[in-house]
Amino acid sequence: MRPRTLRTVLAALTASLAAAGCLTAAGPAAAQGRHPAANACSPSVSLTGFSDALDKTTYDGTYVGNLSALAPDRRGSVTALSDRSALFRLDARTLEPRGVIPLADEKGAALDAEGLVADIPHSRLRSSGGTPAGTLLVSSETEPSIRRYSRTGELLGRLPVPDDLRTAPDGRARVNGSFEGLTLLPGGRTLVAAMEYPLAGDPADLVRFQTWQRTRHGDFRLGARYAYRTDPGLGVSEVTATPDGRLLVLERGFTSGVGNTVRLHLADRPGRGTVLHKRLLADLADCPSLGATAKQPQPNPLLDNFEGMAVTGRSWGRLEVLVVSDDNQNDVQTTRFLRLRVRA
């Protein structure tokens, strides 16, 4: 999605990509955090590699870029969502595209797709008349909406959205500022969508996180709403659940002539109170660049418009986190994947 002054892009890489030739690799982090991690961005986060291998490439006639979300699945691959209404299946080891599926709304039009969840409910959550297993939930920020698709891209339905979260003039959300992040909490019962920017009339640093609860039939009904405070001048570009149900929140901004600000925070697990408190894990400008280059001014040449994020596993007692950037098909932006090791 376009930040306040320019669309930019951020990118992510799975733990297994360390073996890929396109990945610039770093040394292993210290076990259990007992010593400073190699290539540390902060005491809690280290950078273990990056890749620009997919920048300005095509697959099966489709531009591989504009990537806004990531979702690992049980088949050992990673699904990458393009905000130009396409899903790419990437090989988890090499990052090479293995398939592409177009998406469309009820009228056959493209989506401004921003959030992605691979919904694989536990068997006890399924019923004969309920939601099919192995579907995809995709948020679009133009209405906004959350639609459910089959793994082959067939539209299966959509979730209810509160009226005040709709884009103005129908609601209080700003254009290109609504559902930017989407994640499913462990257990598969609670879906969370993060607004990128405040609603009209809200404080400049307050954004809303809306939840849905899965019913006994496998569908979702509206749940609680939470307030989250962003750092000054930043918006929420992604939210991803950790294995214990807390939320990794990626905040992002852009200043012309200066570049991107990208910070990774850890927020409370939704469920208690109405405010999600957070703590800073790392400012990605403090990461080592590892030889990365930038096509426009940046505080750190590693930075770009990081927009997609997924937890892909554990290593050395830390979470392996994959981050990806949206290049907006812009010559001065890069489709870049980062691999982070996070102690949450």
C-alpha atoms as a PDB file:
ATOM      1  CA  MET A   1       0.000   0.000   0.000  1.00  0.00           C
ATOM      2  CA  ARG A   2       1.147   3.577  -0.617  1.00  0.00           C
ATOM      3  CA  PRO A   3       2.665   5.271   2.471  1.00  0.00           C
ATOM      4  CA  ARG A   4       1.917   8.932   3.145  1.00  0.00           C
ATOM      5  CA  THR A   5       4.114  10.292   0.330  1.00  0.00           C
ATOM      6  CA  LEU A   6       5.280   7.351  -1.764  1.00  0.00           C
ATOM      7  CA  ARG A   7       4.572   3.639  -2.099  1.00  0.00           C
ATOM      8  CA  THR A   8       7.568   1.649  -0.960  1.00  0.00           C
ATOM      9  CA  VAL A   9       8.274  -2.012  -0.481  1.00  0.00           C
ATOM     10  CA  LEU A  10       9.567  -4.428   2.126  1.00  0.00           C
ATOM     11  CA  ALA A  11      10.513  -8.075   1.706  1.00  0.00           C
ATOM     12  CA  ALA A  12      10.919 -11.330   3.579  1.00  0.00           C
ATOM     13  CA  LEU A  13      12.717 -14.663   3.343  1.00  0.00           C
ATOM     14  CA  THR A  14      12.172 -18.077   4.918  1.00  0.00           C
ATOM     15  CA  ALA A  15      14.659 -19.783   7.216  1.00  0.00           C
ATOM     16  CA  SER A  16      15.431 -22.403   4.592  1.00  0.00           C
ATOM     17  CA  LEU A  17      16.533 -19.753   2.109  1.00  0.00           C
ATOM     18  CA  ALA A  18      19.950 -19.688   3.774  1.00  0.00           C
ATOM     19  CA  ALA A  19      20.797 -22.583   1.513  1.00  0.00           C
ATOM     20  CA  ALA A  20      19.796 -20.758  -1.642  1.00  0.00           C
ATOM     21  CA  GLY A  21      22.477 -19.242  -3.825  1.00  0.00           C
ATOM     22  CA  CYS A  22      20.498 -16.009  -4.178  1.00  0.00           C
ATOM     23  CA  LEU A  23      20.683 -15.389  -0.425  1.00  0.00           C
ATOM     24  CA  THR A  24      23.396 -13.341   1.198  1.00  0.00           C
ATOM     25  CA  ALA A  25      23.963 -15.369   4.359  1.00  0.00           C
ATOM     26  CA  ALA A  26      25.103 -14.327   7.795  1.00  0.00           C
ATOM     27  CA  GLY A  27      26.582 -16.304  10.652  1.00  0.00           C
ATOM     28  CA  PRO A  28      24.265 -18.080  13.133  1.00  0.00           C
ATOM     29  CA  ALA A  29      22.825 -16.203  16.074  1.00  0.00           C
ATOM     30  CA  ALA A  30      24.069 -17.124  19.537  1.00  0.00           C
ATOM     31  CA  ALA A  31      22.043 -19.893  21.159  1.00  0.00           C
ATOM     32  CA  GLN A  32      19.226 -18.790  23.504  1.00  0.00           C
ATOM     33  CA  GLY A  33      20.409 -15.181  23.389  1.00  0.00           C
ATOM     34  CA  ARG A  34      23.225 -15.772  25.897  1.00  0.00           C
ATOM     35  CA  HIS A  35      25.656 -13.819  23.739  1.00  0.00           C
ATOM     36  CA  PRO A  36      25.089 -11.019  21.231  1.00  0.00           C
ATOM     37  CA  ALA A  37      23.729 -12.383  17.966  1.00  0.00           C
ATOM     38  CA  ALA A  38      25.802 -12.153  14.814  1.00  0.00           C
ATOM     39  CA  ASN A  39      24.584  -9.370  12.517  1.00  0.00           C
ATOM     40  CA  ALA A  40      22.420  -7.995  15.302  1.00  0.00           C
ATOM     41  CA  CYS A  41      19.862  -5.291  14.617  1.00  0.00           C
ATOM     42  CA  SER A  42      19.112  -5.118  18.363  1.00  0.00           C
ATOM     43  CA  PRO A  43      19.397  -7.450  21.387  1.00  0.00           C
ATOM     44  CA  SER A  44      16.173  -9.141  20.183  1.00  0.00           C
ATOM     45  CA  VAL A  45      16.588  -9.262  16.388  1.00  0.00           C
ATOM     46  CA  SER A  46      19.351 -10.324  14.005  1.00  0.00           C
ATOM     47  CA  LEU A  47      19.492 -10.338  10.218  1.00  0.00           C
ATOM     48  CA  THR A  48      20.537 -13.659   8.755  1.00  0.00           C
ATOM     49  CA  GLY A  49      20.219 -12.880   5.061  1.00  0.00           C
ATOM     50  CA  PHE A  50      18.548 -11.030   2.237  1.00  0.00           C
ATOM     51  CA  SER A  51      17.711 -11.677  -1.404  1.00  0.00           C
ATOM     52  CA  ASP A  52      16.850  -9.462  -4.379  1.00  0.00           C
ATOM     53  CA  ALA A  53      16.566 -12.425  -6.758  1.00  0.00           C
ATOM     54  CA  LEU A  54      12.929 -11.769  -7.721  1.00  0.00           C
ATOM     55  CA  ASP A  55      13.315  -8.040  -8.289  1.00  0.00           C
ATOM     56  CA  LYS A  56      11.875  -6.981 -11.669  1.00  0.00           C
ATOM     57  CA  THR A  57      11.242 -10.550 -12.821  1.00  0.00           C
ATOM     58  CA  THR A  58       8.225 -12.235 -14.408  1.00  0.00           C
ATOM     59  CA  TYR A  59       6.721 -15.709 -14.127  1.00  0.00           C
ATOM     60  CA  ASP A  60       4.314 -17.214 -16.651  1.00  0.00           C
ATOM     61  CA  GLY A  61       3.708 -13.756 -18.081  1.00  0.00           C
ATOM     62  CA  THR A  62       2.949 -12.170 -14.679  1.00  0.00           C
ATOM     63  CA  TYR A  63       5.127  -9.554 -13.023  1.00  0.00           C
ATOM     64  CA  VAL A  64       6.603 -10.927  -9.775  1.00  0.00           C
ATOM     65  CA  GLY A  65       6.395  -7.886  -7.556  1.00  0.00           C
ATOM     66  CA  ASN A  66       3.978  -5.609  -5.703  1.00  0.00           C
ATOM     67  CA  LEU A  67       4.242  -8.184  -2.913  1.00  0.00           C
ATOM     68  CA  SER A  68       2.242  -7.175   0.137  1.00  0.00           C
ATOM     69  CA  ALA A  69       1.841 -10.332   2.253  1.00  0.00           C
ATOM     70  CA  LEU A  70       3.309 -13.792   2.901  1.00  0.00           C
ATOM     71  CA  ALA A  71       1.841 -17.013   4.273  1.00  0.00           C
ATOM     72  CA  PRO A  72       3.693 -20.305   4.857  1.00  0.00           C
ATOM     73  CA  ASP A  73       1.666 -23.494   4.518  1.00  0.00           C
ATOM     74  CA  ARG A  74       2.031 -27.138   5.412  1.00  0.00           C
ATOM     75  CA  ARG A  75       3.191 -28.133   1.945  1.00  0.00           C
ATOM     76  CA  GLY A  76       6.609 -26.581   2.498  1.00  0.00           C
ATOM     77  CA  SER A  77       6.023 -23.616   0.220  1.00  0.00           C
ATOM     78  CA  VAL A  78       5.352 -19.947   0.808  1.00  0.00           C
ATOM     79  CA  THR A  79       2.442 -18.070  -0.735  1.00  0.00           C
ATOM     80  CA  ALA A  80       3.156 -14.454  -1.669  1.00  0.00           C
ATOM     81  CA  LEU A  81       0.296 -12.047  -2.313  1.00  0.00           C
ATOM     82  CA  SER A  82       0.609  -9.303  -4.926  1.00  0.00           C
ATOM     83  CA  ASP A  83      -1.555  -6.255  -4.367  1.00  0.00           C
ATOM     84  CA  ARG A  84      -2.220  -6.404  -8.102  1.00  0.00           C
ATOM     85  CA  SER A  85      -4.562  -9.334  -7.453  1.00  0.00           C
ATOM     86  CA  ALA A  86      -2.327 -12.397  -7.832  1.00  0.00           C
ATOM     87  CA  LEU A  87      -1.013 -15.204  -5.622  1.00  0.00           C
ATOM     88  CA  PHE A  88       2.445 -16.687  -6.183  1.00  0.00           C
ATOM     89  CA  ARG A  89       3.529 -20.044  -4.794  1.00  0.00           C
ATOM     90  CA  LEU A  90       7.244 -19.812  -4.036  1.00  0.00           C
ATOM     91  CA  ASP A  91       9.668 -22.634  -3.385  1.00  0.00           C
ATOM     92  CA  ALA A  92      10.645 -22.265   0.268  1.00  0.00           C
ATOM     93  CA  ARG A  93      14.288 -23.094  -0.396  1.00  0.00           C
ATOM     94  CA  THR A  94      15.067 -21.244  -3.626  1.00  0.00           C
ATOM     95  CA  LEU A  95      12.332 -18.577  -3.727  1.00  0.00           C
ATOM     96  CA  GLU A  96      11.624 -19.585  -7.301  1.00  0.00           C
ATOM     97  CA  PRO A  97       7.969 -19.178  -8.322  1.00  0.00           C
ATOM     98  CA  ARG A  98       6.216 -22.510  -8.851  1.00  0.00           C
ATOM     99  CA  GLY A  99       2.756 -21.220  -9.691  1.00  0.00           C
ATOM    100  CA  VAL A 100       0.599 -18.128 -10.022  1.00  0.00           C
ATOM    101  CA  ILE A 101      -3.145 -17.724  -9.467  1.00  0.00           C
ATOM    102  CA  PRO A 102      -5.184 -14.592 -10.354  1.00  0.00           C
ATOM    103  CA  LEU A 103      -7.734 -13.266  -7.889  1.00  0.00           C
ATOM    104  CA  ALA A 104     -10.898 -11.273  -8.548  1.00  0.00           C
ATOM    105  CA  ASP A 105     -13.894  -9.880  -6.704  1.00  0.00           C
ATOM    106  CA  GLU A 106     -17.538 -10.840  -7.198  1.00  0.00           C
ATOM    107  CA  LYS A 107     -17.693  -8.850 -10.453  1.00  0.00           C
ATOM    108  CA  GLY A 108     -14.449 -10.217 -11.841  1.00  0.00           C
ATOM    109  CA  ALA A 109     -12.482  -7.044 -11.064  1.00  0.00           C
ATOM    110  CA  ALA A 110      -9.007  -6.935  -9.535  1.00  0.00           C
ATOM    111  CA  LEU A 111      -8.417  -6.350  -5.824  1.00  0.00           C
ATOM    112  CA  ASP A 112      -6.072  -4.021  -3.957  1.00  0.00           C
ATOM    113  CA  ALA A 113      -5.010  -7.069  -1.957  1.00  0.00           C
ATOM    114  CA  GLU A 114      -2.941  -6.399   1.169  1.00  0.00           C
ATOM    115  CA  GLY A 115      -3.367  -9.162   3.786  1.00  0.00           C
ATOM    116  CA  LEU A 116      -3.175 -12.955   3.500  1.00  0.00           C
ATOM    117  CA  VAL A 117      -3.910 -15.907   5.770  1.00  0.00           C
ATOM    118  CA  ALA A 118      -3.604 -19.570   4.802  1.00  0.00           C
ATOM    119  CA  ASP A 119      -6.557 -20.908   6.781  1.00  0.00           C
ATOM    120  CA  ILE A 120      -6.022 -24.558   7.649  1.00  0.00           C
ATOM    121  CA  PRO A 121      -8.443 -25.175  10.541  1.00  0.00           C
ATOM    122  CA  HIS A 122      -7.741 -27.927  13.050  1.00  0.00           C
ATOM    123  CA  SER A 123      -9.928 -30.945  12.340  1.00  0.00           C
ATOM    124  CA  ARG A 124     -12.034 -30.346  15.436  1.00  0.00           C
ATOM    125  CA  LEU A 125     -13.043 -26.917  14.068  1.00  0.00           C
ATOM    126  CA  ARG A 126     -14.479 -28.354  10.847  1.00  0.00           C
ATOM    127  CA  SER A 127     -17.986 -29.574  10.250  1.00  0.00           C
ATOM    128  CA  SER A 128     -19.772 -31.108   7.286  1.00  0.00           C
ATOM    129  CA  GLY A 129     -21.570 -27.850   6.494  1.00  0.00           C
ATOM    130  CA  GLY A 130     -18.807 -25.443   7.492  1.00  0.00           C
ATOM    131  CA  THR A 131     -15.762 -23.780   6.062  1.00  0.00           C
ATOM    132  CA  PRO A 132     -13.608 -26.004   3.847  1.00  0.00           C
ATOM    133  CA  ALA A 133     -10.067 -26.641   5.022  1.00  0.00           C
ATOM    134  CA  GLY A 134      -7.128 -25.244   3.152  1.00  0.00           C
ATOM    135  CA  THR A 135      -8.697 -21.979   1.999  1.00  0.00           C
ATOM    136  CA  LEU A 136      -7.148 -18.510   1.792  1.00  0.00           C
ATOM    137  CA  LEU A 137      -8.355 -15.310   3.448  1.00  0.00           C
ATOM    138  CA  VAL A 138      -7.430 -12.154   1.540  1.00  0.00           C
ATOM    139  CA  SER A 139      -8.025  -8.568   2.660  1.00  0.00           C
ATOM    140  CA  SER A 140      -8.514  -5.683   0.247  1.00  0.00           C
ATOM    141  CA  GLU A 141      -8.241  -2.097   1.422  1.00  0.00           C
ATOM    142  CA  THR A 142     -10.420  -0.436  -1.189  1.00  0.00           C
ATOM    143  CA  GLU A 143     -13.760  -1.264   0.506  1.00  0.00           C
ATOM    144  CA  PRO A 144     -12.252  -2.715   2.769  1.00  0.00           C
ATOM    145  CA  SER A 145     -13.107  -6.412   2.642  1.00  0.00           C
ATOM    146  CA  ILE A 146     -11.943  -9.862   3.640  1.00  0.00           C
ATOM    147  CA  ARG A 147     -12.748 -12.558   1.092  1.00  0.00           C
ATOM    148  CA  ARG A 148     -12.267 -16.310   1.238  1.00  0.00           C
ATOM    149  CA  TYR A 149     -10.789 -18.142  -1.749  1.00  0.00           C
ATOM    150  CA  SER A 150     -10.049 -21.743  -2.594  1.00  0.00           C
ATOM    151  CA  ARG A 151      -6.440 -22.735  -3.213  1.00  0.00           C
ATOM    152  CA  THR A 152      -7.201 -22.456  -6.925  1.00  0.00           C
ATOM    153  CA  GLY A 153      -8.493 -18.876  -6.654  1.00  0.00           C
ATOM    154  CA  GLU A 154     -12.245 -19.537  -6.642  1.00  0.00           C
ATOM    155  CA  LEU A 155     -14.152 -16.926  -4.622  1.00  0.00           C
ATOM    156  CA  LEU A 156     -16.061 -18.657  -1.830  1.00  0.00           C
ATOM    157  CA  GLY A 157     -17.480 -15.776   0.208  1.00  0.00           C
ATOM    158  CA  ARG A 158     -16.634 -12.775   2.373  1.00  0.00           C
ATOM    159  CA  LEU A 159     -16.618 -11.773   6.025  1.00  0.00           C
ATOM    160  CA  PRO A 160     -18.743  -9.025   7.603  1.00  0.00           C
ATOM    161  CA  VAL A 161     -17.041  -5.624   8.083  1.00  0.00           C
ATOM    162  CA  PRO A 162     -18.196  -2.954  10.590  1.00  0.00           C
ATOM    163  CA  ASP A 163     -19.703   0.106   8.917  1.00  0.00           C
ATOM    164  CA  ASP A 164     -17.323   2.612  10.526  1.00  0.00           C
ATOM    165  CA  LEU A 165     -14.269   0.747   9.185  1.00  0.00           C
ATOM    166  CA  ARG A 166     -15.417   1.212   5.601  1.00  0.00           C
ATOM    167  CA  THR A 167     -13.636   3.673   3.354  1.00  0.00           C
ATOM    168  CA  ALA A 168     -15.036   7.215   3.322  1.00  0.00           C
ATOM    169  CA  PRO A 169     -17.640   8.404   2.518  1.00  0.00           C
ATOM    170  CA  ASP A 170     -19.340   5.147   3.561  1.00  0.00           C
ATOM    171  CA  GLY A 171     -17.308   4.938   6.767  1.00  0.00           C
ATOM    172  CA  ARG A 172     -14.457   6.583   8.665  1.00  0.00           C
ATOM    173  CA  ALA A 173     -11.458   4.867   7.051  1.00  0.00           C
ATOM    174  CA  ARG A 174      -9.171   6.849   4.750  1.00  0.00           C
ATOM    175  CA  VAL A 175      -8.626   5.727   1.158  1.00  0.00           C
ATOM    176  CA  ASN A 176      -5.634   3.341   0.996  1.00  0.00           C
ATOM    177  CA  GLY A 177      -5.481   3.229   4.778  1.00  0.00           C
ATOM    178  CA  SER A 178      -7.671   0.379   5.986  1.00  0.00           C
ATOM    179  CA  PHE A 179      -7.035  -3.412   6.236  1.00  0.00           C
ATOM    180  CA  GLU A 180      -3.272  -3.687   5.706  1.00  0.00           C
ATOM    181  CA  GLY A 181      -2.360  -6.576   8.022  1.00  0.00           C
ATOM    182  CA  LEU A 182      -4.126  -9.915   8.508  1.00  0.00           C
ATOM    183  CA  THR A 183      -3.283 -12.847  10.783  1.00  0.00           C
ATOM    184  CA  LEU A 184      -4.876 -15.869  12.461  1.00  0.00           C
ATOM    185  CA  LEU A 185      -4.072 -16.552  16.116  1.00  0.00           C
ATOM    186  CA  PRO A 186      -2.813 -20.007  17.147  1.00  0.00           C
ATOM    187  CA  GLY A 187      -5.693 -22.466  17.360  1.00  0.00           C
ATOM    188  CA  GLY A 188      -7.403 -20.930  14.346  1.00  0.00           C
ATOM    189  CA  ARG A 189     -10.320 -19.372  16.220  1.00  0.00           C
ATOM    190  CA  THR A 190      -9.452 -15.649  16.122  1.00  0.00           C
ATOM    191  CA  LEU A 191      -8.735 -13.626  12.978  1.00  0.00           C
ATOM    192  CA  VAL A 192      -7.122 -10.186  13.341  1.00  0.00           C
ATOM    193  CA  ALA A 193      -7.102  -7.381  10.752  1.00  0.00           C
ATOM    194  CA  ALA A 194      -4.966  -4.280  11.347  1.00  0.00           C
ATOM    195  CA  MET A 195      -5.916  -0.879   9.962  1.00  0.00           C
ATOM    196  CA  GLU A 196      -2.946   0.962   8.496  1.00  0.00           C
ATOM    197  CA  TYR A 197      -3.918   4.479   9.551  1.00  0.00           C
ATOM    198  CA  PRO A 198      -6.363   6.080  12.042  1.00  0.00           C
ATOM    199  CA  LEU A 199     -10.061   6.501  11.375  1.00  0.00           C
ATOM    200  CA  ALA A 200     -11.341  10.018  10.790  1.00  0.00           C
ATOM    201  CA  GLY A 201     -11.744  11.694  14.181  1.00  0.00           C
ATOM    202  CA  ASP A 202      -9.255   9.421  15.969  1.00  0.00           C
ATOM    203  CA  PRO A 203      -5.878  10.583  17.355  1.00  0.00           C
ATOM    204  CA  ALA A 204      -3.057  10.628  14.792  1.00  0.00           C
ATOM    205  CA  ASP A 205      -1.256   7.698  16.447  1.00  0.00           C
ATOM    206  CA  LEU A 206      -4.224   5.400  17.119  1.00  0.00           C
ATOM    207  CA  VAL A 207      -5.166   2.579  14.752  1.00  0.00           C
ATOM    208  CA  ARG A 208      -7.789  -0.120  15.138  1.00  0.00           C
ATOM    209  CA  PHE A 209      -7.308  -3.887  15.188  1.00  0.00           C
ATOM    210  CA  GLN A 210     -10.575  -5.677  14.402  1.00  0.00           C
ATOM    211  CA  THR A 211     -11.119  -9.349  15.268  1.00  0.00           C
ATOM    212  CA  TRP A 212     -13.472 -12.090  14.101  1.00  0.00           C
ATOM    213  CA  GLN A 213     -14.292 -15.289  15.994  1.00  0.00           C
ATOM    214  CA  ARG A 214     -14.764 -18.625  14.254  1.00  0.00           C
ATOM    215  CA  THR A 215     -18.178 -20.180  14.821  1.00  0.00           C
ATOM    216  CA  ARG A 216     -18.825 -23.861  15.421  1.00  0.00           C
ATOM    217  CA  HIS A 217     -19.679 -24.149  11.708  1.00  0.00           C
ATOM    218  CA  GLY A 218     -16.300 -22.766  10.639  1.00  0.00           C
ATOM    219  CA  ASP A 219     -17.458 -19.301   9.571  1.00  0.00           C
ATOM    220  CA  PHE A 220     -16.351 -16.037  11.200  1.00  0.00           C
ATOM    221  CA  ARG A 221     -18.458 -13.514  13.128  1.00  0.00           C
ATOM    222  CA  LEU A 222     -17.378 -10.063  14.272  1.00  0.00           C
ATOM    223  CA  GLY A 223     -15.425 -10.002  17.536  1.00  0.00           C
ATOM    224  CA  ALA A 224     -13.716  -7.473  19.777  1.00  0.00           C
ATOM    225  CA  ARG A 225     -11.854  -4.383  18.586  1.00  0.00           C
ATOM    226  CA  TYR A 226      -8.569  -3.100  19.998  1.00  0.00           C
ATOM    227  CA  ALA A 227      -6.639   0.153  19.952  1.00  0.00           C
ATOM    228  CA  TYR A 228      -2.955   0.184  19.012  1.00  0.00           C
ATOM    229  CA  ARG A 229      -0.641   3.215  19.253  1.00  0.00           C
ATOM    230  CA  THR A 230       1.866   3.669  16.421  1.00  0.00           C
ATOM    231  CA  ASP A 231       5.144   5.560  16.580  1.00  0.00           C
ATOM    232  CA  PRO A 232       4.834   9.186  15.367  1.00  0.00           C
ATOM    233  CA  GLY A 233       4.358   9.433  11.618  1.00  0.00           C
ATOM    234  CA  LEU A 234       4.192   5.658  11.027  1.00  0.00           C
ATOM    235  CA  GLY A 235       1.421   3.318   9.935  1.00  0.00           C
ATOM    236  CA  VAL A 236       0.923  -0.434  10.378  1.00  0.00           C
ATOM    237  CA  SER A 237       2.018  -2.345   7.272  1.00  0.00           C
ATOM    238  CA  GLU A 238       1.705  -5.908   8.631  1.00  0.00           C
ATOM    239  CA  VAL A 239       0.729  -7.955  11.673  1.00  0.00           C
ATOM    240  CA  THR A 240       1.682 -11.593  12.276  1.00  0.00           C
ATOM    241  CA  ALA A 241       0.864 -13.867  15.212  1.00  0.00           C
ATOM    242  CA  THR A 242       3.624 -15.576  17.168  1.00  0.00           C
ATOM    243  CA  PRO A 243       3.191 -19.183  18.362  1.00  0.00           C
ATOM    244  CA  ASP A 244       2.029 -17.927  21.793  1.00  0.00           C
ATOM    245  CA  GLY A 245      -0.558 -15.571  20.300  1.00  0.00           C
ATOM    246  CA  ARG A 246       1.219 -12.256  20.678  1.00  0.00           C
ATOM    247  CA  LEU A 247       1.534 -10.050  17.623  1.00  0.00           C
ATOM    248  CA  LEU A 248       4.574  -9.015  15.635  1.00  0.00           C
ATOM    249  CA  VAL A 249       3.679  -5.599  14.215  1.00  0.00           C
ATOM    250  CA  LEU A 250       5.583  -3.970  11.376  1.00  0.00           C
ATOM    251  CA  GLU A 251       5.333  -0.161  11.377  1.00  0.00           C
ATOM    252  CA  ARG A 252       6.442   1.777   8.317  1.00  0.00           C
ATOM    253  CA  GLY A 253       6.759   5.299   6.988  1.00  0.00           C
ATOM    254  CA  PHE A 254       8.478   7.213   4.201  1.00  0.00           C
ATOM    255  CA  THR A 255      10.050  10.665   3.992  1.00  0.00           C
ATOM    256  CA  SER A 256      10.962  12.022   0.578  1.00  0.00           C
ATOM    257  CA  GLY A 257      14.719  12.569   0.248  1.00  0.00           C
ATOM    258  CA  VAL A 258      15.381  10.552   3.410  1.00  0.00           C
ATOM    259  CA  GLY A 259      13.822   7.142   2.847  1.00  0.00           C
ATOM    260  CA  ASN A 260      11.947   4.539   4.855  1.00  0.00           C
ATOM    261  CA  THR A 261      11.468   4.051   8.548  1.00  0.00           C
ATOM    262  CA  VAL A 262      10.670   0.431   9.455  1.00  0.00           C
ATOM    263  CA  ARG A 263      10.280  -0.809  13.015  1.00  0.00           C
ATOM    264  CA  LEU A 264       9.347  -4.213  14.392  1.00  0.00           C
ATOM    265  CA  HIS A 265       7.267  -4.277  17.588  1.00  0.00           C
ATOM    266  CA  LEU A 266       5.826  -7.029  19.783  1.00  0.00           C
ATOM    267  CA  ALA A 267       2.249  -6.414  20.965  1.00  0.00           C
ATOM    268  CA  ASP A 268       0.006  -8.126  23.500  1.00  0.00           C
ATOM    269  CA  ARG A 269      -2.102 -11.113  22.634  1.00  0.00           C
ATOM    270  CA  PRO A 270      -5.638  -9.863  21.919  1.00  0.00           C
ATOM    271  CA  GLY A 271      -8.107 -10.835  24.618  1.00  0.00           C
ATOM    272  CA  ARG A 272      -7.597  -8.655  27.679  1.00  0.00           C
ATOM    273  CA  GLY A 273      -8.686  -5.039  27.800  1.00  0.00           C
ATOM    274  CA  THR A 274      -9.194  -2.867  24.740  1.00  0.00           C
ATOM    275  CA  VAL A 275      -5.627  -1.592  24.198  1.00  0.00           C
ATOM    276  CA  LEU A 276      -2.741  -3.627  22.758  1.00  0.00           C
ATOM    277  CA  HIS A 277       0.474  -2.539  24.447  1.00  0.00           C
ATOM    278  CA  LYS A 278       3.737  -2.961  22.554  1.00  0.00           C
ATOM    279  CA  ARG A 279       7.499  -2.950  22.946  1.00  0.00           C
ATOM    280  CA  LEU A 280      10.103  -2.201  20.303  1.00  0.00           C
ATOM    281  CA  LEU A 281      12.083  -5.203  19.094  1.00  0.00           C
ATOM    282  CA  ALA A 282      14.194  -3.437  16.457  1.00  0.00           C
ATOM    283  CA  ASP A 283      14.482  -0.474  14.157  1.00  0.00           C
ATOM    284  CA  LEU A 284      15.561  -2.111  10.889  1.00  0.00           C
ATOM    285  CA  ALA A 285      17.756   0.882  10.090  1.00  0.00           C
ATOM    286  CA  ASP A 286      20.071  -0.516  12.795  1.00  0.00           C
ATOM    287  CA  CYS A 287      20.538  -3.835  10.960  1.00  0.00           C
ATOM    288  CA  PRO A 288      23.804  -4.511   9.109  1.00  0.00           C
ATOM    289  CA  SER A 289      23.382  -3.841   5.387  1.00  0.00           C
ATOM    290  CA  LEU A 290      25.226  -7.052   4.382  1.00  0.00           C
ATOM    291  CA  GLY A 291      26.138  -5.432   1.068  1.00  0.00           C
ATOM    292  CA  ALA A 292      22.594  -4.427   0.095  1.00  0.00           C
ATOM    293  CA  THR A 293      22.222  -1.410  -2.168  1.00  0.00           C
ATOM    294  CA  ALA A 294      19.391   1.099  -2.493  1.00  0.00           C
ATOM    295  CA  LYS A 295      18.102   2.860  -5.607  1.00  0.00           C
ATOM    296  CA  GLN A 296      16.965   5.929  -3.697  1.00  0.00           C
ATOM    297  CA  PRO A 297      18.101   7.695  -0.482  1.00  0.00           C
ATOM    298  CA  GLN A 298      17.750   5.466   2.581  1.00  0.00           C
ATOM    299  CA  PRO A 299      19.004   5.687   6.181  1.00  0.00           C
ATOM    300  CA  ASN A 300      20.339   2.164   5.572  1.00  0.00           C
ATOM    301  CA  PRO A 301      20.642   0.723   2.011  1.00  0.00           C
ATOM    302  CA  LEU A 302      18.956  -2.450   3.300  1.00  0.00           C
ATOM    303  CA  LEU A 303      15.678  -0.578   3.745  1.00  0.00           C
ATOM    304  CA  ASP A 304      12.745  -0.470   1.368  1.00  0.00           C
ATOM    305  CA  ASN A 305       8.938  -0.526   1.650  1.00  0.00           C
ATOM    306  CA  PHE A 306       8.639  -3.653   3.823  1.00  0.00           C
ATOM    307  CA  GLU A 307       5.066  -4.776   3.788  1.00  0.00           C
ATOM    308  CA  GLY A 308       4.703  -8.564   4.176  1.00  0.00           C
ATOM    309  CA  MET A 309       5.792 -10.732   7.101  1.00  0.00           C
ATOM    310  CA  ALA A 310       5.380 -14.321   8.311  1.00  0.00           C
ATOM    311  CA  VAL A 311       6.743 -16.531  11.074  1.00  0.00           C
ATOM    312  CA  THR A 312       8.231 -19.555   9.321  1.00  0.00           C
ATOM    313  CA  GLY A 313       9.771 -21.590  12.166  1.00  0.00           C
ATOM    314  CA  ARG A 314      12.210 -21.618  15.059  1.00  0.00           C
ATOM    315  CA  SER A 315      15.996 -21.750  15.219  1.00  0.00           C
ATOM    316  CA  TRP A 316      18.494 -21.265  18.046  1.00  0.00           C
ATOM    317  CA  GLY A 317      15.601 -20.602  20.413  1.00  0.00           C
ATOM    318  CA  ARG A 318      14.313 -17.740  18.266  1.00  0.00           C
ATOM    319  CA  LEU A 319      11.576 -17.233  15.704  1.00  0.00           C
ATOM    320  CA  GLU A 320      12.485 -17.279  12.028  1.00  0.00           C
ATOM    321  CA  VAL A 321      10.653 -14.370  10.410  1.00  0.00           C
ATOM    322  CA  LEU A 322      10.336 -13.753   6.692  1.00  0.00           C
ATOM    323  CA  VAL A 323       9.769 -10.176   5.471  1.00  0.00           C
ATOM    324  CA  VAL A 324       9.093  -8.941   1.918  1.00  0.00           C
ATOM    325  CA  SER A 325       8.857  -5.557   0.211  1.00  0.00           C
ATOM    326  CA  ASP A 326       6.401  -4.172  -2.330  1.00  0.00           C
ATOM    327  CA  ASP A 327       8.298  -2.555  -5.206  1.00  0.00           C
ATOM    328  CA  ASN A 328       5.172  -0.993  -6.762  1.00  0.00           C
ATOM    329  CA  GLN A 329       6.795  -1.748 -10.148  1.00  0.00           C
ATOM    330  CA  ASN A 330       8.866   1.359  -9.466  1.00  0.00           C
ATOM    331  CA  ASP A 331      12.409   1.628 -10.840  1.00  0.00           C
ATOM    332  CA  VAL A 332      13.733   3.120  -7.585  1.00  0.00           C
ATOM    333  CA  GLN A 333      12.243   0.396  -5.381  1.00  0.00           C
ATOM    334  CA  THR A 334      13.303  -3.226  -4.912  1.00  0.00           C
ATOM    335  CA  THR A 335      11.511  -6.511  -4.301  1.00  0.00           C
ATOM    336  CA  ARG A 336      13.652  -7.644  -1.394  1.00  0.00           C
ATOM    337  CA  PHE A 337      13.335 -10.581   0.989  1.00  0.00           C
ATOM    338  CA  LEU A 338      14.792 -10.417   4.492  1.00  0.00           C
ATOM    339  CA  ARG A 339      15.307 -13.242   6.929  1.00  0.00           C
ATOM    340  CA  LEU A 340      15.229 -12.227  10.570  1.00  0.00           C
ATOM    341  CA  ARG A 341      15.840 -14.183  13.744  1.00  0.00           C
ATOM    342  CA  VAL A 342      13.659 -12.780  16.533  1.00  0.00           C
ATOM    343  CA  ARG A 343      13.721 -13.366  20.276  1.00  0.00           C
ATOM    344  CA  ALA A 344      10.188 -12.546  21.366  1.00  0.00           C
END
